[in-house]
Amino acid sequence: MKKKLISLVLGLTVLGTVLTGCSGKAEETGGKSEGKSKVYLITMDQMDQHWVNVDAGAKKAAGELGNIEYTWLAPDVKDDAKQIEAINNAVAGGANAILLAANGPDAVTQALEEAKNAGVKIIYVDSAADFPAEQTLATDNEAAGKTAGTEMINALKKAGVTEGSIGIVNVNSATASTVAREKGFRSAFDGTSFKILETQYGEGDAAKSKEIAANYITQGVVGIFGANEGSTVGAGNAIQESGKKVIGVGFDKSDMILELIKNGHLLCTMAQNPDVMGYEGMKTAAKVLAGEKIEKKNVDTGVSVINAEAL
């Protein structure tokens, strides 16, 4: 009886060892078979359709690649502290690479330094911070801003207006992409008789931007430039409600902006290619993680003018 009991115990012990060994092997094999790199997209906020399109491009590329575990993180509003938190959360979540649209040049640099020290690769989409990255995929914002200014000037001259004040609704004074757009826009008016008023900031919020634009209109401006989606929607809505003939030119493409153009409340918008930013950014991340060298540090993802004729 004692021998049978010992045999039974030994048998169970061996069986337990086999099962444990199989379980451990299965977990190890499962991890290797997945073999997926973690890539996070961190945008300025979740408000703009622009970021939804960046996400769509990144998601499409991740699906094609098949070896990427993809996550989109974004603050609910533009906020440096919240974007820093998102970067830290991505690193804590085991990110191998981050696609980032930075709120500003300096606010997130320490978080990016910590991410780099943790082995995370950084790729900028749309807006870069003042920190080295593998690549930046964005619109040539200054050139696009100048195109926006030229479009406004041509429309004003066509309407017989050769002088007057111009208002600018921007996001803030720190976001590199929108600052560059404003710089380009202002440069288009060099040598003209038009006066560019002091820039007002609405944080990309359509309601705040509408109030700013409405105030410009009461000052008698002949034109208003919106530097991003929220700024443009706000400007267009203010022009619509005023019923006055103010030339509105904006940036980005959304259903609301296109509707404002269609109904004559905005002249045109500078349409970027956010899906290309996300798609090519993800492809770059995959190459970097595979050990490939990225030769081109800056990629212009292009812009086109959308007006009523194009709709």
C-alpha atoms as a PDB file:
ATOM      1  CA  MET A   1       0.000   0.000   0.000  1.00  0.00           C
ATOM      2  CA  LYS A   2       2.852   2.309   0.959  1.00  0.00           C
ATOM      3  CA  LYS A   3       4.643   1.547  -2.328  1.00  0.00           C
ATOM      4  CA  LYS A   4       1.445   2.289  -4.274  1.00  0.00           C
ATOM      5  CA  LEU A   5       1.060   5.610  -2.452  1.00  0.00           C
ATOM      6  CA  ILE A   6       4.661   6.602  -3.195  1.00  0.00           C
ATOM      7  CA  SER A   7       4.193   5.649  -6.847  1.00  0.00           C
ATOM      8  CA  LEU A   8       1.008   7.717  -7.024  1.00  0.00           C
ATOM      9  CA  VAL A   9       2.724  10.763  -5.507  1.00  0.00           C
ATOM     10  CA  LEU A  10       5.670  10.442  -7.865  1.00  0.00           C
ATOM     11  CA  GLY A  11       3.312  10.053 -10.788  1.00  0.00           C
ATOM     12  CA  LEU A  12       1.397  13.183  -9.867  1.00  0.00           C
ATOM     13  CA  THR A  13       4.651  15.069  -9.364  1.00  0.00           C
ATOM     14  CA  VAL A  14       5.908  14.089 -12.813  1.00  0.00           C
ATOM     15  CA  LEU A  15       2.538  14.925 -14.359  1.00  0.00           C
ATOM     16  CA  GLY A  16       2.559  18.319 -12.625  1.00  0.00           C
ATOM     17  CA  THR A  17       6.072  18.981 -13.907  1.00  0.00           C
ATOM     18  CA  VAL A  18       5.056  18.090 -17.449  1.00  0.00           C
ATOM     19  CA  LEU A  19       1.962  20.292 -17.311  1.00  0.00           C
ATOM     20  CA  THR A  20       3.916  23.181 -15.831  1.00  0.00           C
ATOM     21  CA  GLY A  21       6.585  22.769 -18.478  1.00  0.00           C
ATOM     22  CA  CYS A  22       4.011  22.727 -21.271  1.00  0.00           C
ATOM     23  CA  SER A  23       2.250  25.764 -19.837  1.00  0.00           C
ATOM     24  CA  GLY A  24       5.495  27.721 -19.624  1.00  0.00           C
ATOM     25  CA  LYS A  25       6.472  26.735 -23.134  1.00  0.00           C
ATOM     26  CA  ALA A  26       3.067  27.682 -24.491  1.00  0.00           C
ATOM     27  CA  GLU A  27       3.300  31.165 -22.938  1.00  0.00           C
ATOM     28  CA  GLU A  28       6.846  31.629 -24.246  1.00  0.00           C
ATOM     29  CA  THR A  29       5.898  30.446 -27.720  1.00  0.00           C
ATOM     30  CA  GLY A  30       2.794  32.617 -27.692  1.00  0.00           C
ATOM     31  CA  GLY A  31       4.887  35.704 -26.934  1.00  0.00           C
ATOM     32  CA  LYS A  32       7.325  34.895 -29.719  1.00  0.00           C
ATOM     33  CA  SER A  33       4.636  34.039 -32.250  1.00  0.00           C
ATOM     34  CA  GLU A  34       3.003  37.411 -31.687  1.00  0.00           C
ATOM     35  CA  GLY A  35       6.335  39.198 -32.119  1.00  0.00           C
ATOM     36  CA  LYS A  36       4.540  42.548 -32.268  1.00  0.00           C
ATOM     37  CA  SER A  37       6.103  45.936 -31.631  1.00  0.00           C
ATOM     38  CA  LYS A  38       4.040  48.460 -29.676  1.00  0.00           C
ATOM     39  CA  VAL A  39       3.520  51.757 -31.481  1.00  0.00           C
ATOM     40  CA  TYR A  40       1.527  54.619 -29.981  1.00  0.00           C
ATOM     41  CA  LEU A  41       0.096  57.663 -31.755  1.00  0.00           C
ATOM     42  CA  ILE A  42      -0.117  60.685 -29.449  1.00  0.00           C
ATOM     43  CA  THR A  43      -1.874  63.718 -30.914  1.00  0.00           C
ATOM     44  CA  MET A  44      -2.642  67.179 -29.525  1.00  0.00           C
ATOM     45  CA  ASP A  45      -6.253  66.346 -28.717  1.00  0.00           C
ATOM     46  CA  GLN A  46      -9.289  64.345 -29.829  1.00  0.00           C
ATOM     47  CA  MET A  47     -11.330  67.342 -30.983  1.00  0.00           C
ATOM     48  CA  ASP A  48     -10.232  67.796 -34.579  1.00  0.00           C
ATOM     49  CA  GLN A  49     -11.180  65.542 -37.457  1.00  0.00           C
ATOM     50  CA  HIS A  50      -7.593  66.064 -38.584  1.00  0.00           C
ATOM     51  CA  TRP A  51      -6.338  63.776 -35.810  1.00  0.00           C
ATOM     52  CA  VAL A  52      -9.011  61.192 -36.565  1.00  0.00           C
ATOM     53  CA  ASN A  53      -7.593  61.043 -40.091  1.00  0.00           C
ATOM     54  CA  VAL A  54      -4.018  60.719 -38.807  1.00  0.00           C
ATOM     55  CA  ASP A  55      -5.239  57.796 -36.690  1.00  0.00           C
ATOM     56  CA  ALA A  56      -6.960  56.227 -39.702  1.00  0.00           C
ATOM     57  CA  GLY A  57      -3.740  56.331 -41.716  1.00  0.00           C
ATOM     58  CA  ALA A  58      -1.668  54.862 -38.882  1.00  0.00           C
ATOM     59  CA  LYS A  59      -4.248  52.142 -38.265  1.00  0.00           C
ATOM     60  CA  LYS A  60      -4.303  51.209 -41.960  1.00  0.00           C
ATOM     61  CA  ALA A  61      -0.510  50.875 -42.100  1.00  0.00           C
ATOM     62  CA  ALA A  62      -0.438  48.835 -38.878  1.00  0.00           C
ATOM     63  CA  GLY A  63      -3.006  46.469 -40.378  1.00  0.00           C
ATOM     64  CA  GLU A  64      -0.928  46.031 -43.531  1.00  0.00           C
ATOM     65  CA  LEU A  65       2.284  45.458 -41.594  1.00  0.00           C
ATOM     66  CA  GLY A  66       0.709  42.839 -39.328  1.00  0.00           C
ATOM     67  CA  ASN A  67       3.455  42.990 -36.700  1.00  0.00           C
ATOM     68  CA  ILE A  68       2.366  46.163 -34.901  1.00  0.00           C
ATOM     69  CA  GLU A  69       0.262  46.507 -31.762  1.00  0.00           C
ATOM     70  CA  TYR A  70      -1.181  49.974 -32.307  1.00  0.00           C
ATOM     71  CA  THR A  71      -2.740  52.391 -29.809  1.00  0.00           C
ATOM     72  CA  TRP A  72      -3.986  55.965 -30.238  1.00  0.00           C
ATOM     73  CA  LEU A  73      -3.655  58.100 -27.112  1.00  0.00           C
ATOM     74  CA  ALA A  74      -4.836  61.698 -27.017  1.00  0.00           C
ATOM     75  CA  PRO A  75      -5.813  64.265 -24.396  1.00  0.00           C
ATOM     76  CA  ASP A  76      -9.425  65.422 -24.586  1.00  0.00           C
ATOM     77  CA  VAL A  77      -8.176  69.004 -25.054  1.00  0.00           C
ATOM     78  CA  LYS A  78      -4.871  70.657 -25.955  1.00  0.00           C
ATOM     79  CA  ASP A  79      -2.943  70.617 -22.697  1.00  0.00           C
ATOM     80  CA  ASP A  80       0.799  70.198 -22.184  1.00  0.00           C
ATOM     81  CA  ALA A  81       0.448  68.334 -18.884  1.00  0.00           C
ATOM     82  CA  LYS A  82      -2.041  65.894 -20.398  1.00  0.00           C
ATOM     83  CA  GLN A  83       0.173  65.274 -23.409  1.00  0.00           C
ATOM     84  CA  ILE A  84       3.154  64.625 -21.124  1.00  0.00           C
ATOM     85  CA  GLU A  85       0.982  62.165 -19.194  1.00  0.00           C
ATOM     86  CA  ALA A  86       0.085  60.411 -22.459  1.00  0.00           C
ATOM     87  CA  ILE A  87       3.781  60.051 -23.372  1.00  0.00           C
ATOM     88  CA  ASN A  88       4.592  58.683 -19.917  1.00  0.00           C
ATOM     89  CA  ASN A  89       1.680  56.251 -20.144  1.00  0.00           C
ATOM     90  CA  ALA A  90       2.876  55.020 -23.523  1.00  0.00           C
ATOM     91  CA  VAL A  91       6.367  54.385 -22.143  1.00  0.00           C
ATOM     92  CA  ALA A  92       4.904  52.606 -19.103  1.00  0.00           C
ATOM     93  CA  GLY A  93       2.765  50.535 -21.489  1.00  0.00           C
ATOM     94  CA  GLY A  94       5.885  49.205 -23.199  1.00  0.00           C
ATOM     95  CA  ALA A  95       5.952  51.441 -26.287  1.00  0.00           C
ATOM     96  CA  ASN A  96       8.685  50.664 -28.797  1.00  0.00           C
ATOM     97  CA  ALA A  97       7.885  53.752 -30.850  1.00  0.00           C
ATOM     98  CA  ILE A  98       5.734  56.875 -30.530  1.00  0.00           C
ATOM     99  CA  LEU A  99       4.222  58.875 -33.374  1.00  0.00           C
ATOM    100  CA  LEU A 100       3.834  62.338 -31.875  1.00  0.00           C
ATOM    101  CA  ALA A 101       2.107  65.580 -32.830  1.00  0.00           C
ATOM    102  CA  ALA A 102       3.644  67.881 -30.232  1.00  0.00           C
ATOM    103  CA  ASN A 103       1.671  70.715 -28.660  1.00  0.00           C
ATOM    104  CA  GLY A 104       4.741  72.912 -28.586  1.00  0.00           C
ATOM    105  CA  PRO A 105       8.525  72.835 -29.025  1.00  0.00           C
ATOM    106  CA  ASP A 106       9.602  72.681 -25.382  1.00  0.00           C
ATOM    107  CA  ALA A 107       6.884  71.408 -23.040  1.00  0.00           C
ATOM    108  CA  VAL A 108       7.307  67.687 -23.743  1.00  0.00           C
ATOM    109  CA  THR A 109      11.084  67.519 -24.244  1.00  0.00           C
ATOM    110  CA  GLN A 110      11.842  66.072 -20.806  1.00  0.00           C
ATOM    111  CA  ALA A 111       9.199  63.369 -21.291  1.00  0.00           C
ATOM    112  CA  LEU A 112      10.730  62.593 -24.696  1.00  0.00           C
ATOM    113  CA  GLU A 113      14.207  62.408 -23.160  1.00  0.00           C
ATOM    114  CA  GLU A 114      12.917  59.843 -20.672  1.00  0.00           C
ATOM    115  CA  ALA A 115      11.198  57.938 -23.473  1.00  0.00           C
ATOM    116  CA  LYS A 116      14.421  57.865 -25.489  1.00  0.00           C
ATOM    117  CA  ASN A 117      16.349  56.625 -22.455  1.00  0.00           C
ATOM    118  CA  ALA A 118      13.792  53.811 -22.211  1.00  0.00           C
ATOM    119  CA  GLY A 119      14.606  52.830 -25.803  1.00  0.00           C
ATOM    120  CA  VAL A 120      11.525  54.371 -27.433  1.00  0.00           C
ATOM    121  CA  LYS A 121      11.851  55.674 -31.003  1.00  0.00           C
ATOM    122  CA  ILE A 122      10.221  59.056 -31.748  1.00  0.00           C
ATOM    123  CA  ILE A 123       8.621  60.003 -35.087  1.00  0.00           C
ATOM    124  CA  TYR A 124       6.842  63.340 -35.497  1.00  0.00           C
ATOM    125  CA  VAL A 125       3.588  63.619 -37.432  1.00  0.00           C
ATOM    126  CA  ASP A 126       2.335  67.132 -38.237  1.00  0.00           C
ATOM    127  CA  SER A 127       4.058  69.076 -35.448  1.00  0.00           C
ATOM    128  CA  ALA A 128       7.546  68.549 -34.045  1.00  0.00           C
ATOM    129  CA  ALA A 129       9.052  69.322 -30.663  1.00  0.00           C
ATOM    130  CA  ASP A 130      12.553  70.682 -30.168  1.00  0.00           C
ATOM    131  CA  PHE A 131      13.955  67.191 -29.648  1.00  0.00           C
ATOM    132  CA  PRO A 132      15.714  64.876 -32.136  1.00  0.00           C
ATOM    133  CA  ALA A 133      13.499  62.307 -33.847  1.00  0.00           C
ATOM    134  CA  GLU A 134      13.871  59.581 -36.431  1.00  0.00           C
ATOM    135  CA  GLN A 135      11.765  61.542 -38.913  1.00  0.00           C
ATOM    136  CA  THR A 136       9.227  64.356 -39.203  1.00  0.00           C
ATOM    137  CA  LEU A 137       6.262  63.942 -41.566  1.00  0.00           C
ATOM    138  CA  ALA A 138       4.393  67.219 -41.977  1.00  0.00           C
ATOM    139  CA  THR A 139       3.097  69.890 -44.288  1.00  0.00           C
ATOM    140  CA  ASP A 140       5.513  72.639 -45.320  1.00  0.00           C
ATOM    141  CA  ASN A 141       3.440  74.913 -43.111  1.00  0.00           C
ATOM    142  CA  GLU A 142       5.150  78.190 -43.922  1.00  0.00           C
ATOM    143  CA  ALA A 143       4.742  77.672 -47.669  1.00  0.00           C
ATOM    144  CA  ALA A 144       1.103  76.602 -47.186  1.00  0.00           C
ATOM    145  CA  GLY A 145       0.448  79.672 -45.038  1.00  0.00           C
ATOM    146  CA  LYS A 146       1.808  81.902 -47.780  1.00  0.00           C
ATOM    147  CA  THR A 147      -0.492  80.188 -50.273  1.00  0.00           C
ATOM    148  CA  ALA A 148      -3.426  80.949 -47.953  1.00  0.00           C
ATOM    149  CA  GLY A 149      -2.414  84.602 -47.881  1.00  0.00           C
ATOM    150  CA  THR A 150      -2.094  84.755 -51.661  1.00  0.00           C
ATOM    151  CA  GLU A 151      -5.565  83.226 -52.063  1.00  0.00           C
ATOM    152  CA  MET A 152      -7.035  85.879 -49.768  1.00  0.00           C
ATOM    153  CA  ILE A 153      -5.266  88.741 -51.535  1.00  0.00           C
ATOM    154  CA  ASN A 154      -6.468  87.566 -54.945  1.00  0.00           C
ATOM    155  CA  ALA A 155     -10.059  87.264 -53.699  1.00  0.00           C
ATOM    156  CA  LEU A 156      -9.968  90.722 -52.097  1.00  0.00           C
ATOM    157  CA  LYS A 157      -8.572  92.322 -55.250  1.00  0.00           C
ATOM    158  CA  LYS A 158     -11.207  90.544 -57.317  1.00  0.00           C
ATOM    159  CA  ALA A 159     -13.814  92.134 -55.039  1.00  0.00           C
ATOM    160  CA  GLY A 160     -12.188  95.538 -55.571  1.00  0.00           C
ATOM    161  CA  VAL A 161     -10.646  95.668 -52.078  1.00  0.00           C
ATOM    162  CA  THR A 162      -7.003  96.797 -52.071  1.00  0.00           C
ATOM    163  CA  GLU A 163      -6.590  97.822 -48.435  1.00  0.00           C
ATOM    164  CA  GLY A 164      -8.008  97.109 -44.996  1.00  0.00           C
ATOM    165  CA  SER A 165      -7.348  95.109 -41.847  1.00  0.00           C
ATOM    166  CA  ILE A 166      -6.836  91.347 -41.645  1.00  0.00           C
ATOM    167  CA  GLY A 167      -7.418  89.257 -38.518  1.00  0.00           C
ATOM    168  CA  ILE A 168      -5.612  86.037 -37.603  1.00  0.00           C
ATOM    169  CA  VAL A 169      -7.118  83.384 -35.326  1.00  0.00           C
ATOM    170  CA  ASN A 170      -4.343  81.029 -34.227  1.00  0.00           C
ATOM    171  CA  VAL A 171      -4.097  78.156 -31.724  1.00  0.00           C
ATOM    172  CA  ASN A 172      -1.364  79.481 -29.435  1.00  0.00           C
ATOM    173  CA  SER A 173       2.067  81.079 -29.686  1.00  0.00           C
ATOM    174  CA  ALA A 174       3.978  77.826 -29.150  1.00  0.00           C
ATOM    175  CA  THR A 175       2.683  75.187 -31.588  1.00  0.00           C
ATOM    176  CA  ALA A 176       5.350  75.058 -34.296  1.00  0.00           C
ATOM    177  CA  SER A 177       3.072  74.081 -37.175  1.00  0.00           C
ATOM    178  CA  THR A 178       0.504  76.855 -36.705  1.00  0.00           C
ATOM    179  CA  VAL A 179       3.171  79.462 -35.911  1.00  0.00           C
ATOM    180  CA  ALA A 180       4.816  78.612 -39.238  1.00  0.00           C
ATOM    181  CA  ARG A 181       1.465  78.922 -41.035  1.00  0.00           C
ATOM    182  CA  GLU A 182       0.958  82.378 -39.586  1.00  0.00           C
ATOM    183  CA  LYS A 183       4.478  83.414 -40.584  1.00  0.00           C
ATOM    184  CA  GLY A 184       3.865  82.318 -44.161  1.00  0.00           C
ATOM    185  CA  PHE A 185       0.448  83.996 -44.248  1.00  0.00           C
ATOM    186  CA  ARG A 186       1.867  87.305 -43.034  1.00  0.00           C
ATOM    187  CA  SER A 187       4.682  87.168 -45.586  1.00  0.00           C
ATOM    188  CA  ALA A 188       2.158  87.094 -48.445  1.00  0.00           C
ATOM    189  CA  PHE A 189       1.042  90.612 -47.453  1.00  0.00           C
ATOM    190  CA  ASP A 190       4.514  92.151 -47.544  1.00  0.00           C
ATOM    191  CA  GLY A 191       4.457  95.190 -49.837  1.00  0.00           C
ATOM    192  CA  THR A 192       0.649  95.449 -49.874  1.00  0.00           C
ATOM    193  CA  SER A 193      -1.573  98.135 -48.342  1.00  0.00           C
ATOM    194  CA  PHE A 194      -3.322  95.651 -46.065  1.00  0.00           C
ATOM    195  CA  LYS A 195      -2.751  95.773 -42.294  1.00  0.00           C
ATOM    196  CA  ILE A 196      -2.384  92.521 -40.334  1.00  0.00           C
ATOM    197  CA  LEU A 197      -3.823  92.965 -36.856  1.00  0.00           C
ATOM    198  CA  GLU A 198      -2.379  91.422 -33.698  1.00  0.00           C
ATOM    199  CA  THR A 199      -2.954  87.687 -33.628  1.00  0.00           C
ATOM    200  CA  GLN A 200      -5.582  86.323 -31.225  1.00  0.00           C
ATOM    201  CA  TYR A 201      -5.455  82.792 -29.812  1.00  0.00           C
ATOM    202  CA  GLY A 202      -8.395  80.428 -29.388  1.00  0.00           C
ATOM    203  CA  GLU A 203      -6.554  77.186 -28.478  1.00  0.00           C
ATOM    204  CA  GLY A 204      -8.060  75.507 -31.523  1.00  0.00           C
ATOM    205  CA  ASP A 205     -11.494  75.628 -29.899  1.00  0.00           C
ATOM    206  CA  ALA A 206     -14.247  76.517 -32.390  1.00  0.00           C
ATOM    207  CA  ALA A 207     -16.397  78.396 -29.858  1.00  0.00           C
ATOM    208  CA  LYS A 208     -13.494  80.531 -28.578  1.00  0.00           C
ATOM    209  CA  SER A 209     -12.312  81.137 -32.123  1.00  0.00           C
ATOM    210  CA  LYS A 210     -15.786  82.258 -33.145  1.00  0.00           C
ATOM    211  CA  GLU A 211     -15.785  84.909 -30.410  1.00  0.00           C
ATOM    212  CA  ILE A 212     -12.378  86.165 -31.541  1.00  0.00           C
ATOM    213  CA  ALA A 213     -13.472  86.289 -35.192  1.00  0.00           C
ATOM    214  CA  ALA A 214     -16.704  88.073 -34.264  1.00  0.00           C
ATOM    215  CA  ASN A 215     -14.660  90.714 -32.459  1.00  0.00           C
ATOM    216  CA  TYR A 216     -12.467  91.145 -35.538  1.00  0.00           C
ATOM    217  CA  ILE A 217     -15.581  91.615 -37.657  1.00  0.00           C
ATOM    218  CA  THR A 218     -16.870  94.395 -35.366  1.00  0.00           C
ATOM    219  CA  GLN A 219     -13.504  96.098 -35.945  1.00  0.00           C
ATOM    220  CA  GLY A 220     -14.253  96.129 -39.663  1.00  0.00           C
ATOM    221  CA  VAL A 221     -11.746  93.586 -40.974  1.00  0.00           C
ATOM    222  CA  VAL A 222     -11.901  92.608 -44.631  1.00  0.00           C
ATOM    223  CA  GLY A 223     -10.403  89.164 -44.085  1.00  0.00           C
ATOM    224  CA  ILE A 224      -9.819  86.516 -41.408  1.00  0.00           C
ATOM    225  CA  PHE A 225      -7.330  83.642 -41.431  1.00  0.00           C
ATOM    226  CA  GLY A 226      -7.889  80.512 -39.301  1.00  0.00           C
ATOM    227  CA  ALA A 227      -4.675  78.598 -38.607  1.00  0.00           C
ATOM    228  CA  ASN A 228      -6.195  75.176 -37.881  1.00  0.00           C
ATOM    229  CA  GLU A 229      -9.494  73.300 -37.996  1.00  0.00           C
ATOM    230  CA  GLY A 230     -11.101  74.774 -34.870  1.00  0.00           C
ATOM    231  CA  SER A 231      -9.886  78.280 -35.714  1.00  0.00           C
ATOM    232  CA  THR A 232     -11.265  77.975 -39.238  1.00  0.00           C
ATOM    233  CA  VAL A 233     -14.666  76.653 -38.146  1.00  0.00           C
ATOM    234  CA  GLY A 234     -14.947  79.470 -35.604  1.00  0.00           C
ATOM    235  CA  ALA A 235     -14.042  82.116 -38.201  1.00  0.00           C
ATOM    236  CA  GLY A 236     -16.480  80.698 -40.746  1.00  0.00           C
ATOM    237  CA  ASN A 237     -19.333  80.574 -38.232  1.00  0.00           C
ATOM    238  CA  ALA A 238     -18.673  84.167 -37.178  1.00  0.00           C
ATOM    239  CA  ILE A 239     -18.683  85.347 -40.798  1.00  0.00           C
ATOM    240  CA  GLN A 240     -21.917  83.438 -41.421  1.00  0.00           C
ATOM    241  CA  GLU A 241     -23.675  84.997 -38.423  1.00  0.00           C
ATOM    242  CA  SER A 242     -22.452  88.512 -39.233  1.00  0.00           C
ATOM    243  CA  GLY A 243     -23.816  88.417 -42.764  1.00  0.00           C
ATOM    244  CA  LYS A 244     -20.930  90.666 -43.822  1.00  0.00           C
ATOM    245  CA  LYS A 245     -18.643  90.255 -46.802  1.00  0.00           C
ATOM    246  CA  VAL A 246     -15.476  89.162 -45.052  1.00  0.00           C
ATOM    247  CA  ILE A 247     -13.038  86.862 -46.841  1.00  0.00           C
ATOM    248  CA  GLY A 248     -12.332  83.803 -44.693  1.00  0.00           C
ATOM    249  CA  VAL A 249      -9.417  81.504 -45.430  1.00  0.00           C
ATOM    250  CA  GLY A 250      -8.538  78.532 -43.272  1.00  0.00           C
ATOM    251  CA  PHE A 251      -6.515  75.431 -42.663  1.00  0.00           C
ATOM    252  CA  ASP A 252      -7.412  71.732 -42.521  1.00  0.00           C
ATOM    253  CA  LYS A 253     -10.376  69.830 -43.921  1.00  0.00           C
ATOM    254  CA  SER A 254     -13.492  68.704 -42.080  1.00  0.00           C
ATOM    255  CA  ASP A 255     -17.140  68.253 -43.021  1.00  0.00           C
ATOM    256  CA  MET A 256     -18.011  71.509 -41.262  1.00  0.00           C
ATOM    257  CA  ILE A 257     -15.299  73.485 -43.058  1.00  0.00           C
ATOM    258  CA  LEU A 258     -16.357  72.088 -46.424  1.00  0.00           C
ATOM    259  CA  GLU A 259     -19.968  73.029 -45.668  1.00  0.00           C
ATOM    260  CA  LEU A 260     -18.917  76.601 -44.809  1.00  0.00           C
ATOM    261  CA  ILE A 261     -17.020  76.833 -48.114  1.00  0.00           C
ATOM    262  CA  LYS A 262     -19.917  75.356 -50.042  1.00  0.00           C
ATOM    263  CA  ASN A 263     -22.303  77.925 -48.561  1.00  0.00           C
ATOM    264  CA  GLY A 264     -19.961  80.837 -49.288  1.00  0.00           C
ATOM    265  CA  HIS A 265     -18.951  81.694 -45.722  1.00  0.00           C
ATOM    266  CA  LEU A 266     -15.320  80.689 -46.293  1.00  0.00           C
ATOM    267  CA  LEU A 267     -13.329  81.244 -49.466  1.00  0.00           C
ATOM    268  CA  CYS A 268     -11.094  78.200 -49.162  1.00  0.00           C
ATOM    269  CA  THR A 269      -9.019  76.010 -46.880  1.00  0.00           C
ATOM    270  CA  MET A 270      -5.525  74.590 -47.067  1.00  0.00           C
ATOM    271  CA  ALA A 271      -6.154  70.849 -46.950  1.00  0.00           C
ATOM    272  CA  GLN A 272      -3.367  68.754 -45.524  1.00  0.00           C
ATOM    273  CA  ASN A 273      -2.962  65.013 -45.891  1.00  0.00           C
ATOM    274  CA  PRO A 274      -3.225  63.757 -42.287  1.00  0.00           C
ATOM    275  CA  ASP A 275      -3.901  60.187 -43.383  1.00  0.00           C
ATOM    276  CA  VAL A 276      -0.561  60.213 -45.229  1.00  0.00           C
ATOM    277  CA  MET A 277       1.177  61.492 -42.082  1.00  0.00           C
ATOM    278  CA  GLY A 278      -0.221  58.612 -40.035  1.00  0.00           C
ATOM    279  CA  TYR A 279       0.299  55.977 -42.723  1.00  0.00           C
ATOM    280  CA  GLU A 280       3.871  56.898 -43.623  1.00  0.00           C
ATOM    281  CA  GLY A 281       4.716  57.610 -39.987  1.00  0.00           C
ATOM    282  CA  MET A 282       3.739  54.056 -39.070  1.00  0.00           C
ATOM    283  CA  LYS A 283       5.781  52.672 -41.973  1.00  0.00           C
ATOM    284  CA  THR A 284       8.779  54.672 -40.740  1.00  0.00           C
ATOM    285  CA  ALA A 285       8.292  53.323 -37.212  1.00  0.00           C
ATOM    286  CA  ALA A 286       8.318  49.764 -38.552  1.00  0.00           C
ATOM    287  CA  LYS A 287      11.514  50.379 -40.518  1.00  0.00           C
ATOM    288  CA  VAL A 288      13.276  51.943 -37.536  1.00  0.00           C
ATOM    289  CA  LEU A 289      12.252  49.073 -35.265  1.00  0.00           C
ATOM    290  CA  ALA A 290      13.550  46.630 -37.866  1.00  0.00           C
ATOM    291  CA  GLY A 291      16.943  48.335 -37.675  1.00  0.00           C
ATOM    292  CA  GLU A 292      16.725  50.132 -41.020  1.00  0.00           C
ATOM    293  CA  LYS A 293      18.378  53.533 -41.383  1.00  0.00           C
ATOM    294  CA  ILE A 294      16.096  56.460 -42.255  1.00  0.00           C
ATOM    295  CA  GLU A 295      17.890  58.778 -44.650  1.00  0.00           C
ATOM    296  CA  LYS A 296      15.234  61.472 -45.088  1.00  0.00           C
ATOM    297  CA  LYS A 297      14.681  63.373 -41.834  1.00  0.00           C
ATOM    298  CA  ASN A 298      11.886  65.647 -43.110  1.00  0.00           C
ATOM    299  CA  VAL A 299       9.037  64.558 -45.371  1.00  0.00           C
ATOM    300  CA  ASP A 300       6.616  67.105 -46.850  1.00  0.00           C
ATOM    301  CA  THR A 301       3.214  65.399 -46.926  1.00  0.00           C
ATOM    302  CA  GLY A 302       1.717  68.094 -49.169  1.00  0.00           C
ATOM    303  CA  VAL A 303      -1.239  70.490 -49.163  1.00  0.00           C
ATOM    304  CA  SER A 304      -3.942  71.490 -51.626  1.00  0.00           C
ATOM    305  CA  VAL A 305      -6.340  74.431 -51.884  1.00  0.00           C
ATOM    306  CA  ILE A 306     -10.001  73.480 -51.562  1.00  0.00           C
ATOM    307  CA  ASN A 307     -12.543  76.100 -52.662  1.00  0.00           C
ATOM    308  CA  ALA A 308     -16.160  76.017 -53.811  1.00  0.00           C
ATOM    309  CA  GLU A 309     -15.144  75.059 -57.331  1.00  0.00           C
ATOM    310  CA  ALA A 310     -13.400  71.966 -56.002  1.00  0.00           C
ATOM    311  CA  LEU A 311     -16.510  70.733 -54.182  1.00  0.00           C
END
